[in-house]
N, C-alpha and C. Protein backbone atom coordinates (compact mmCIF):
# COMPACT_ATOMS: atom_id res chain seq x y z
N MET A 1 -7.80 13.84 5.88
CA MET A 1 -8.62 12.74 5.46
C MET A 1 -7.19 11.53 5.52
N SER A 2 -7.39 10.15 5.75
CA SER A 2 -6.00 9.56 5.21
C SER A 2 -6.80 8.86 4.17
N THR A 3 -5.16 8.06 3.38
CA THR A 3 -5.33 7.17 2.54
C THR A 3 -6.58 5.98 2.43
N THR A 4 -6.86 6.17 3.81
CA THR A 4 -7.19 4.41 3.77
C THR A 4 -8.93 5.03 3.90
N THR A 5 -9.16 6.14 4.35
CA THR A 5 -10.52 6.23 3.93
C THR A 5 -10.83 6.88 3.31
N THR A 6 -10.12 7.61 2.43
CA THR A 6 -10.47 8.10 1.24
C THR A 6 -10.62 6.81 0.19
N ARG A 7 -9.89 5.97 0.24
CA ARG A 7 -10.23 4.49 -0.72
C ARG A 7 -11.45 3.90 -0.27
N ARG A 8 -11.77 3.94 0.97
CA ARG A 8 -13.12 3.83 1.36
C ARG A 8 -14.33 4.28 1.05
N ALA A 9 -13.78 5.26 0.72
CA ALA A 9 -15.46 6.87 0.39
C ALA A 9 -15.28 6.59 -0.76
N TRP A 10 -14.27 6.29 -1.52
CA TRP A 10 -14.45 6.09 -3.00
C TRP A 10 -14.75 4.48 -3.48
N ALA A 11 -15.04 3.74 -2.56
CA ALA A 11 -15.42 2.84 -3.14
C ALA A 11 -16.87 2.21 -2.82
N ARG A 12 -17.35 2.97 -1.73
CA ARG A 12 -18.64 2.90 -1.58
C ARG A 12 -19.15 4.04 -2.40
N ALA A 13 -18.88 5.06 -2.91
CA ALA A 13 -19.10 6.19 -3.67
C ALA A 13 -19.42 5.01 -5.03
N GLY A 14 -18.53 4.25 -5.45
CA GLY A 14 -18.72 3.52 -6.61
C GLY A 14 -19.67 2.63 -6.44
N ALA A 15 -19.50 1.72 -5.52
CA ALA A 15 -20.79 0.91 -5.06
C ALA A 15 -22.34 1.68 -5.31
N ALA A 16 -22.33 2.90 -4.53
CA ALA A 16 -24.00 3.19 -5.19
C ALA A 16 -23.78 4.16 -6.38
N VAL A 17 -22.94 4.01 -7.55
CA VAL A 17 -23.27 4.55 -8.70
C VAL A 17 -23.53 3.28 -9.31
N CYS A 18 -22.51 2.03 -9.00
CA CYS A 18 -23.28 0.65 -9.94
C CYS A 18 -24.71 0.17 -9.38
N GLY A 19 -24.90 0.49 -8.05
CA GLY A 19 -26.46 -0.06 -7.75
C GLY A 19 -27.41 1.30 -8.12
N ALA A 20 -27.19 2.63 -8.73
CA ALA A 20 -28.00 2.93 -9.11
C ALA A 20 -28.49 3.04 -10.47
N ALA A 21 -27.18 2.50 -10.97
CA ALA A 21 -27.28 2.30 -12.84
C ALA A 21 -27.84 0.52 -12.98
N VAL A 22 -27.99 0.03 -12.00
CA VAL A 22 -28.83 -1.37 -12.13
C VAL A 22 -30.17 -0.93 -12.03
N VAL A 23 -30.51 -0.36 -11.05
CA VAL A 23 -31.97 0.21 -10.86
C VAL A 23 -32.17 1.09 -11.91
N ALA A 24 -31.50 1.93 -13.25
CA ALA A 24 -32.28 2.36 -13.93
C ALA A 24 -32.03 1.48 -14.76
N LEU A 25 -31.42 0.57 -15.36
CA LEU A 25 -31.43 -0.10 -16.37
C LEU A 25 -32.74 -0.95 -16.26
N VAL A 26 -33.22 -1.34 -15.20
CA VAL A 26 -34.55 -1.63 -15.09
C VAL A 26 -35.85 -1.14 -15.27
N ILE A 27 -35.42 -0.02 -14.53
CA ILE A 27 -36.25 0.93 -14.80
C ILE A 27 -36.84 0.87 -16.37
N VAL A 28 -35.59 0.84 -17.04
CA VAL A 28 -35.69 1.28 -18.78
C VAL A 28 -36.37 0.29 -19.23
N ALA A 29 -36.03 -0.90 -18.69
CA ALA A 29 -36.32 -2.18 -19.33
C ALA A 29 -37.82 -2.51 -19.50
N ILE A 30 -38.50 -2.27 -18.08
CA ILE A 30 -39.95 -2.31 -17.92
C ILE A 30 -40.81 -0.91 -18.69
N VAL A 31 -39.74 0.02 -18.51
CA VAL A 31 -40.94 0.98 -19.03
C VAL A 31 -40.54 1.22 -20.25
N VAL A 32 -39.69 1.03 -20.79
CA VAL A 32 -39.45 1.43 -22.44
C VAL A 32 -39.40 0.56 -23.34
N ASN A 33 -38.40 -0.65 -23.57
CA ASN A 33 -38.37 -1.84 -23.87
C ASN A 33 -37.13 -2.56 -23.71
N LEU A 34 -36.97 -3.52 -23.94
CA LEU A 34 -35.64 -4.99 -23.52
C LEU A 34 -34.68 -4.36 -24.76
N ASP A 35 -34.87 -4.25 -25.53
CA ASP A 35 -33.96 -3.57 -26.58
C ASP A 35 -33.61 -2.48 -26.21
N THR A 36 -33.97 -1.25 -25.96
CA THR A 36 -33.47 -0.36 -25.22
C THR A 36 -32.84 0.04 -23.98
N ALA A 37 -33.44 -1.31 -23.41
CA ALA A 37 -32.13 -1.24 -22.26
C ALA A 37 -31.00 -2.20 -22.85
N GLY A 38 -31.03 -3.12 -23.43
CA GLY A 38 -29.85 -3.66 -23.72
C GLY A 38 -28.65 -2.65 -24.25
N ALA A 39 -29.28 -1.45 -25.43
CA ALA A 39 -28.29 -0.61 -26.10
C ALA A 39 -27.83 0.06 -25.14
N VAL A 40 -28.67 1.01 -23.80
CA VAL A 40 -27.94 1.88 -22.83
C VAL A 40 -27.18 0.37 -21.79
N ALA A 41 -27.41 -0.32 -21.84
CA ALA A 41 -26.15 -0.95 -21.11
C ALA A 41 -25.30 -1.67 -21.98
N GLY A 42 -25.12 -1.49 -22.89
CA GLY A 42 -24.13 -1.74 -24.19
C GLY A 42 -23.28 0.00 -24.16
N VAL A 43 -23.87 0.87 -24.17
CA VAL A 43 -22.97 2.37 -24.46
C VAL A 43 -22.74 2.57 -22.73
N ALA A 44 -23.25 2.17 -21.59
CA ALA A 44 -22.73 2.26 -20.41
C ALA A 44 -21.46 1.66 -19.87
N SER A 45 -21.82 0.06 -20.29
CA SER A 45 -20.20 -0.41 -19.87
C SER A 45 -19.09 -0.30 -20.85
N GLY A 46 -19.40 0.18 -22.45
CA GLY A 46 -18.01 0.75 -22.58
C GLY A 46 -17.44 2.06 -22.12
N ALA A 47 -18.29 2.65 -21.78
CA ALA A 47 -17.84 3.93 -20.77
C ALA A 47 -17.22 3.78 -19.67
N VAL A 48 -17.66 2.39 -18.65
CA VAL A 48 -17.03 1.91 -17.63
C VAL A 48 -15.86 1.32 -18.29
N ALA A 49 -16.01 0.74 -19.21
CA ALA A 49 -14.87 0.32 -19.46
C ALA A 49 -13.23 0.95 -19.73
N LEU A 50 -13.64 2.20 -20.41
CA LEU A 50 -12.69 3.29 -20.81
C LEU A 50 -12.15 4.21 -19.19
N ALA A 51 -13.38 4.10 -18.71
CA ALA A 51 -12.63 4.75 -17.34
C ALA A 51 -11.66 3.55 -16.61
N GLY A 52 -11.94 2.46 -16.63
CA GLY A 52 -11.15 1.30 -16.05
C GLY A 52 -9.76 1.75 -16.33
N LEU A 53 -9.83 1.68 -17.91
CA LEU A 53 -8.44 1.54 -18.75
C LEU A 53 -7.55 3.16 -18.44
N ALA A 54 -8.29 4.35 -18.45
CA ALA A 54 -7.91 5.33 -18.18
C ALA A 54 -7.04 5.30 -16.71
N LEU A 55 -7.94 5.03 -15.39
CA LEU A 55 -7.72 4.78 -14.06
C LEU A 55 -6.46 3.81 -13.95
N SER A 56 -6.56 2.90 -14.58
CA SER A 56 -5.45 1.76 -14.66
C SER A 56 -3.99 2.51 -15.15
N VAL A 57 -4.30 2.98 -16.21
CA VAL A 57 -2.63 4.24 -16.93
C VAL A 57 -2.73 4.90 -16.01
N LEU A 58 -3.40 5.49 -15.46
CA LEU A 58 -3.41 6.71 -14.47
C LEU A 58 -2.35 6.12 -13.25
N THR A 59 -2.79 4.76 -12.62
CA THR A 59 -1.98 4.52 -11.54
C THR A 59 -0.39 3.99 -11.75
N LEU A 60 -0.80 2.79 -13.05
CA LEU A 60 0.39 3.26 -13.34
C LEU A 60 1.50 3.88 -13.46
N ALA A 61 1.24 5.19 -14.24
CA ALA A 61 2.18 6.00 -14.06
C ALA A 61 2.59 7.25 -13.17
N ARG A 62 1.38 6.61 -12.10
CA ARG A 62 1.81 7.36 -10.87
C ARG A 62 2.97 6.62 -10.17
N ASP A 63 2.48 5.38 -10.12
CA ASP A 63 3.25 4.48 -9.48
C ASP A 63 5.05 4.59 -10.13
N ALA A 64 5.21 4.61 -11.52
CA ALA A 64 6.05 4.43 -12.07
C ALA A 64 7.26 5.76 -11.74
N ALA A 65 6.15 6.89 -11.33
CA ALA A 65 7.05 8.33 -11.44
C ALA A 65 7.53 8.47 -9.63
N SER A 66 6.70 7.48 -8.79
CA SER A 66 6.99 7.56 -7.38
C SER A 66 8.74 6.59 -6.97
N GLY A 67 9.36 6.18 -8.17
CA GLY A 67 9.97 5.76 -8.05
C GLY A 67 10.32 4.59 -7.01
N GLY A 68 9.69 4.04 -6.55
CA GLY A 68 9.69 2.65 -5.99
C GLY A 68 10.14 2.58 -4.84
N SER A 69 10.21 1.34 -4.12
CA SER A 69 11.52 1.51 -3.00
C SER A 69 13.00 1.57 -2.96
N SER A 70 13.43 2.39 -1.61
CA SER A 70 14.73 2.47 -1.81
C SER A 70 15.69 2.02 -0.94
N GLY A 71 17.11 1.52 -0.73
CA GLY A 71 17.21 0.95 0.61
C GLY A 71 18.82 0.20 -0.26
N SER A 72 19.66 -0.09 0.70
CA SER A 72 20.77 -0.88 0.39
C SER A 72 20.82 -1.81 0.59
N GLY A 73 21.65 -3.04 0.17
CA GLY A 73 21.16 -4.17 0.43
C GLY A 73 20.46 -4.90 -0.64
N SER A 74 20.41 -6.16 -0.70
CA SER A 74 19.22 -6.88 -1.48
C SER A 74 18.07 -6.59 -0.97
N THR A 75 16.76 -6.22 -2.00
CA THR A 75 15.67 -5.70 -1.69
C THR A 75 14.90 -7.36 -2.15
N SER A 76 14.00 -7.47 -1.57
CA SER A 76 12.70 -8.66 -2.02
C SER A 76 11.49 -8.15 -2.01
N THR A 77 10.36 -8.23 -2.76
CA THR A 77 9.12 -7.62 -3.11
C THR A 77 8.25 -8.60 -2.46
N GLY A 78 7.28 -8.78 -1.79
CA GLY A 78 6.43 -9.67 -2.04
C GLY A 78 5.17 -8.87 -2.47
N ALA A 79 4.19 -9.53 -2.46
CA ALA A 79 2.63 -9.33 -3.29
C ALA A 79 2.34 -7.53 -2.74
N THR A 80 2.56 -6.76 -1.63
CA THR A 80 2.66 -5.21 -1.64
C THR A 80 3.57 -4.77 -0.56
N GLY A 81 4.18 -5.88 0.31
CA GLY A 81 5.32 -5.29 1.14
C GLY A 81 6.64 -5.11 0.37
N THR A 82 7.59 -4.41 1.28
CA THR A 82 8.88 -4.45 1.19
C THR A 82 10.08 -4.98 1.74
N GLY A 83 10.69 -5.72 1.51
CA GLY A 83 12.26 -6.09 1.87
C GLY A 83 13.23 -5.58 1.61
N ILE A 84 14.02 -5.05 2.99
CA ILE A 84 15.12 -4.83 2.73
C ILE A 84 16.47 -5.16 3.76
N GLY A 85 17.29 -6.34 3.05
CA GLY A 85 18.42 -7.12 3.43
C GLY A 85 19.77 -6.61 3.31
N THR A 86 20.50 -7.40 4.45
CA THR A 86 21.96 -6.54 4.17
C THR A 86 23.11 -7.47 3.61
N GLY A 87 22.59 -8.90 2.75
CA GLY A 87 22.81 -9.36 1.97
C GLY A 87 23.02 -10.95 2.74
N THR A 88 22.82 -10.87 3.55
CA THR A 88 22.83 -12.53 4.67
C THR A 88 21.56 -12.63 4.87
N GLY A 89 20.87 -14.15 4.93
CA GLY A 89 20.02 -13.86 5.49
C GLY A 89 18.98 -13.94 4.07
N SER A 90 17.47 -14.71 4.45
CA SER A 90 16.74 -14.16 3.81
C SER A 90 15.49 -12.98 4.16
N VAL A 91 15.44 -12.44 3.08
CA VAL A 91 14.12 -10.98 4.08
C VAL A 91 13.41 -11.35 2.84
N ALA A 92 12.14 -11.33 3.54
CA ALA A 92 10.73 -11.10 2.53
C ALA A 92 9.35 -10.86 3.38
N ALA A 93 8.51 -9.90 2.48
CA ALA A 93 7.23 -8.93 3.11
C ALA A 93 6.47 -9.33 2.09
N GLY A 94 5.22 -9.81 3.18
CA GLY A 94 3.97 -10.00 2.48
C GLY A 94 2.73 -9.60 3.11
N GLY A 95 1.82 -8.76 2.22
CA GLY A 95 1.05 -8.11 2.97
C GLY A 95 0.97 -6.35 2.66
N GLU A 96 -0.13 -6.00 2.48
CA GLU A 96 -0.24 -4.36 2.30
C GLU A 96 0.81 -3.66 3.23
N ARG A 97 1.82 -2.97 3.31
CA ARG A 97 2.61 -1.95 3.34
C ARG A 97 3.38 -2.85 4.53
N ALA A 98 3.46 -4.18 4.44
CA ALA A 98 4.47 -4.66 5.16
C ALA A 98 5.87 -4.82 4.90
N VAL A 99 6.52 -4.73 6.19
CA VAL A 99 8.22 -4.37 6.08
C VAL A 99 9.31 -4.92 6.83
N ALA A 100 10.24 -5.48 5.77
CA ALA A 100 10.85 -6.71 6.66
C ALA A 100 12.48 -6.06 6.64
N ILE A 101 13.56 -5.98 7.66
CA ILE A 101 14.66 -5.48 7.27
C ILE A 101 15.58 -6.32 7.96
N GLY A 102 16.56 -6.95 6.90
CA GLY A 102 17.29 -7.49 7.73
C GLY A 102 18.32 -7.24 8.95
N GLY A 103 18.64 -6.00 8.47
CA GLY A 103 19.37 -5.59 9.44
C GLY A 103 19.29 -4.85 10.48
N ASN A 104 19.75 -3.48 11.08
CA ASN A 104 19.12 -2.62 12.20
C ASN A 104 18.26 -1.46 11.55
N ALA A 105 17.35 -0.71 12.32
CA ALA A 105 16.39 0.33 12.08
C ALA A 105 16.13 1.14 12.92
N ARG A 106 16.64 2.21 12.69
CA ARG A 106 16.24 3.45 13.52
C ARG A 106 14.58 3.33 13.77
N ARG A 107 13.82 3.74 12.97
CA ARG A 107 12.31 3.92 12.71
C ARG A 107 11.78 2.97 11.71
N VAL A 108 10.74 2.57 11.79
CA VAL A 108 9.79 1.79 10.68
C VAL A 108 8.63 2.44 11.06
N VAL A 109 7.90 2.89 9.75
CA VAL A 109 6.37 3.67 10.14
C VAL A 109 5.56 2.68 9.05
N THR A 110 4.55 2.32 8.75
CA THR A 110 3.76 2.03 8.30
C THR A 110 1.92 2.43 8.19
N GLY A 111 2.35 3.33 8.99
CA GLY A 111 0.39 4.39 9.15
C GLY A 111 0.58 5.12 8.03
N ASP A 112 -0.48 5.87 8.33
CA ASP A 112 -0.83 7.21 7.13
C ASP A 112 -0.93 8.40 8.29
N ASP A 113 -0.98 9.35 8.08
CA ASP A 113 -0.87 10.67 8.00
C ASP A 113 0.24 10.29 9.62
N VAL A 114 1.11 10.05 9.83
CA VAL A 114 1.71 9.67 11.04
C VAL A 114 2.83 10.85 11.09
N THR A 115 2.95 11.87 12.18
CA THR A 115 3.70 12.79 12.26
C THR A 115 5.04 12.57 13.63
N LEU A 116 5.88 12.50 13.23
CA LEU A 116 6.85 11.73 14.89
C LEU A 116 7.71 13.05 14.75
N PRO A 117 8.24 13.45 15.72
CA PRO A 117 9.68 14.39 15.90
C PRO A 117 10.81 13.37 15.46
N PRO A 118 11.89 14.24 14.92
CA PRO A 118 12.94 13.80 14.84
C PRO A 118 13.61 12.49 16.07
N LEU A 119 14.42 11.46 15.08
CA LEU A 119 14.66 10.98 16.73
C LEU A 119 16.00 11.57 17.01
N PRO A 120 16.30 11.52 18.41
CA PRO A 120 17.63 12.12 18.41
C PRO A 120 18.21 11.27 18.46
N PRO A 121 20.16 11.37 19.28
CA PRO A 121 21.24 10.13 18.73
C PRO A 121 20.70 9.16 19.95
N ALA A 122 20.82 7.79 19.81
CA ALA A 122 20.77 6.94 20.94
C ALA A 122 22.12 7.37 21.62
N ALA A 123 21.63 7.02 22.68
CA ALA A 123 22.34 7.00 23.98
C ALA A 123 23.99 5.71 24.03
N GLY A 124 24.50 5.68 23.99
CA GLY A 124 25.95 4.71 23.61
C GLY A 124 25.39 3.91 22.60
N THR A 125 25.28 4.69 21.06
CA THR A 125 25.21 4.02 19.89
C THR A 125 26.64 4.42 19.13
N GLN A 126 27.22 3.51 18.63
CA GLN A 126 27.80 3.79 17.87
C GLN A 126 27.66 3.87 16.37
N PRO A 127 28.61 5.11 15.78
CA PRO A 127 28.46 5.56 14.69
C PRO A 127 27.85 4.02 13.27
N PRO A 128 26.97 4.36 12.43
CA PRO A 128 26.52 3.22 11.62
C PRO A 128 28.17 2.18 11.07
N ALA A 129 29.40 3.10 10.87
CA ALA A 129 30.49 2.34 10.25
C ALA A 129 30.84 1.05 11.26
N THR A 130 30.92 1.95 12.32
CA THR A 130 31.74 0.64 13.91
C THR A 130 30.46 0.20 14.26
N ARG A 131 28.87 0.23 13.94
CA ARG A 131 28.27 -0.92 14.39
C ARG A 131 27.89 -2.40 14.15
N ALA A 132 27.82 -2.95 15.10
CA ALA A 132 27.83 -4.34 14.34
C ALA A 132 26.74 -4.65 13.48
N PRO A 133 27.04 -5.45 12.55
CA PRO A 133 25.94 -6.27 11.64
C PRO A 133 24.86 -6.79 12.14
N ALA A 134 23.85 -7.26 11.91
CA ALA A 134 22.73 -7.87 12.68
C ALA A 134 23.35 -9.08 12.01
N PRO A 135 22.92 -9.98 12.82
CA PRO A 135 22.95 -11.65 12.62
C PRO A 135 22.52 -12.05 11.05
N ALA A 136 23.30 -13.10 10.42
CA ALA A 136 22.64 -13.44 9.28
C ALA A 136 21.82 -14.30 9.59
N THR A 137 20.26 -14.10 10.10
CA THR A 137 19.19 -14.88 9.80
C THR A 137 18.01 -14.42 8.66
N ASP A 138 17.14 -15.07 8.90
CA ASP A 138 15.75 -15.28 7.98
C ASP A 138 14.81 -14.24 8.48
N VAL A 139 14.38 -13.13 7.78
CA VAL A 139 13.33 -11.85 8.29
C VAL A 139 11.95 -12.28 7.37
N THR A 140 11.15 -12.57 8.46
CA THR A 140 9.86 -12.17 7.32
C THR A 140 8.77 -11.93 8.11
N ALA A 141 7.75 -10.62 7.40
CA ALA A 141 7.21 -9.98 7.97
C ALA A 141 5.44 -10.25 7.01
N GLN A 142 4.83 -10.81 7.36
CA GLN A 142 3.51 -11.55 7.07
C GLN A 142 2.27 -10.52 7.33
N GLY A 143 1.45 -10.18 6.54
CA GLY A 143 0.19 -9.48 7.09
C GLY A 143 0.28 -8.23 6.82
N PRO A 144 -0.83 -7.67 6.99
CA PRO A 144 -1.44 -5.64 6.62
C PRO A 144 -0.11 -4.93 7.95
N ARG A 145 0.51 -4.49 6.89
CA ARG A 145 1.16 -3.41 8.21
C ARG A 145 2.42 -4.10 9.12
N SER A 146 2.41 -4.96 8.72
CA SER A 146 3.57 -5.86 9.56
C SER A 146 5.14 -5.51 9.43
N ALA A 147 5.71 -5.72 10.72
CA ALA A 147 7.15 -4.99 10.67
C ALA A 147 7.69 -6.07 11.66
N ALA A 148 8.81 -6.65 10.65
CA ALA A 148 9.63 -7.95 11.11
C ALA A 148 11.55 -6.96 10.92
N VAL A 149 11.96 -6.98 11.85
CA VAL A 149 13.59 -6.36 11.87
C VAL A 149 14.48 -7.46 12.40
N GLY A 150 15.47 -7.69 12.00
CA GLY A 150 16.50 -8.78 12.00
C GLY A 150 17.44 -8.05 13.12
N GLY A 151 17.84 -7.33 13.19
CA GLY A 151 18.88 -6.78 14.18
C GLY A 151 17.98 -5.93 15.31
N ASP A 152 18.42 -4.36 15.25
CA ASP A 152 17.83 -3.85 16.52
C ASP A 152 17.41 -2.62 15.97
N ALA A 153 16.01 -2.35 16.31
CA ALA A 153 14.88 -1.58 16.03
C ALA A 153 14.43 -0.36 17.22
N ASP A 154 14.60 0.72 16.87
CA ASP A 154 14.46 1.58 18.07
C ASP A 154 12.83 2.27 18.28
N GLU A 155 12.30 2.22 16.92
CA GLU A 155 10.98 2.41 17.15
C GLU A 155 10.17 1.68 15.89
N VAL A 156 8.74 1.35 15.95
CA VAL A 156 8.53 1.11 15.09
C VAL A 156 6.97 0.88 15.15
N VAL A 157 6.19 2.05 13.84
CA VAL A 157 4.84 2.57 14.53
C VAL A 157 4.11 1.84 13.18
N THR A 158 2.67 1.15 13.39
CA THR A 158 2.22 0.56 12.46
C THR A 158 1.07 1.37 12.15
N GLY A 159 0.20 1.89 13.80
CA GLY A 159 -1.13 2.77 13.29
C GLY A 159 -1.34 4.08 12.74
N ASP A 160 -2.14 5.03 12.58
CA ASP A 160 -2.20 6.24 11.54
C ASP A 160 -2.38 6.77 12.69
N GLY A 161 -2.03 8.25 12.20
CA GLY A 161 -2.42 9.52 13.19
C GLY A 161 -1.05 9.82 13.68
N PRO A 162 -1.16 10.96 14.41
CA PRO A 162 -0.11 12.11 14.57
C PRO A 162 0.15 11.06 16.26
N ARG A 163 1.69 11.67 16.08
CA ARG A 163 2.29 10.73 17.71
C ARG A 163 2.56 11.73 18.71
N PRO A 164 2.48 11.80 20.13
CA PRO A 164 2.71 12.63 20.91
C PRO A 164 4.52 12.67 20.72
């Protein structure tokens, strides 16, 4: 199951639990009394607040352990995208999993559960040390899973799932 599908399933499950809680509180208010419903709502809201705090701490700890983005050159991070530059021109990425690269890239992948074979050596390419640098240009990738490359790109995959 892909990360996006898992997140959607969790969001739907959370919405269902919240809807059931509202119905339960209305039933308690009608059957028992309003004071009891208020007390139950107070305890439930405290439990939800603690669960939210625990989830936030867990997410922050997991993100810190992953080490963030890697790459050489100047790096610029948008709201949730990553930009990797060669030090010339501006590089910016904005949007979920957006990638902007100021230089050359063999392969850029922004999808979930993507399995690809290794890239073969490109015919007639020079070793990275002698390859001509990308021109000094501004590179911007804006939008979900968008990719922008200021130089040469051999392959860009933005969809989910395995490729032939």
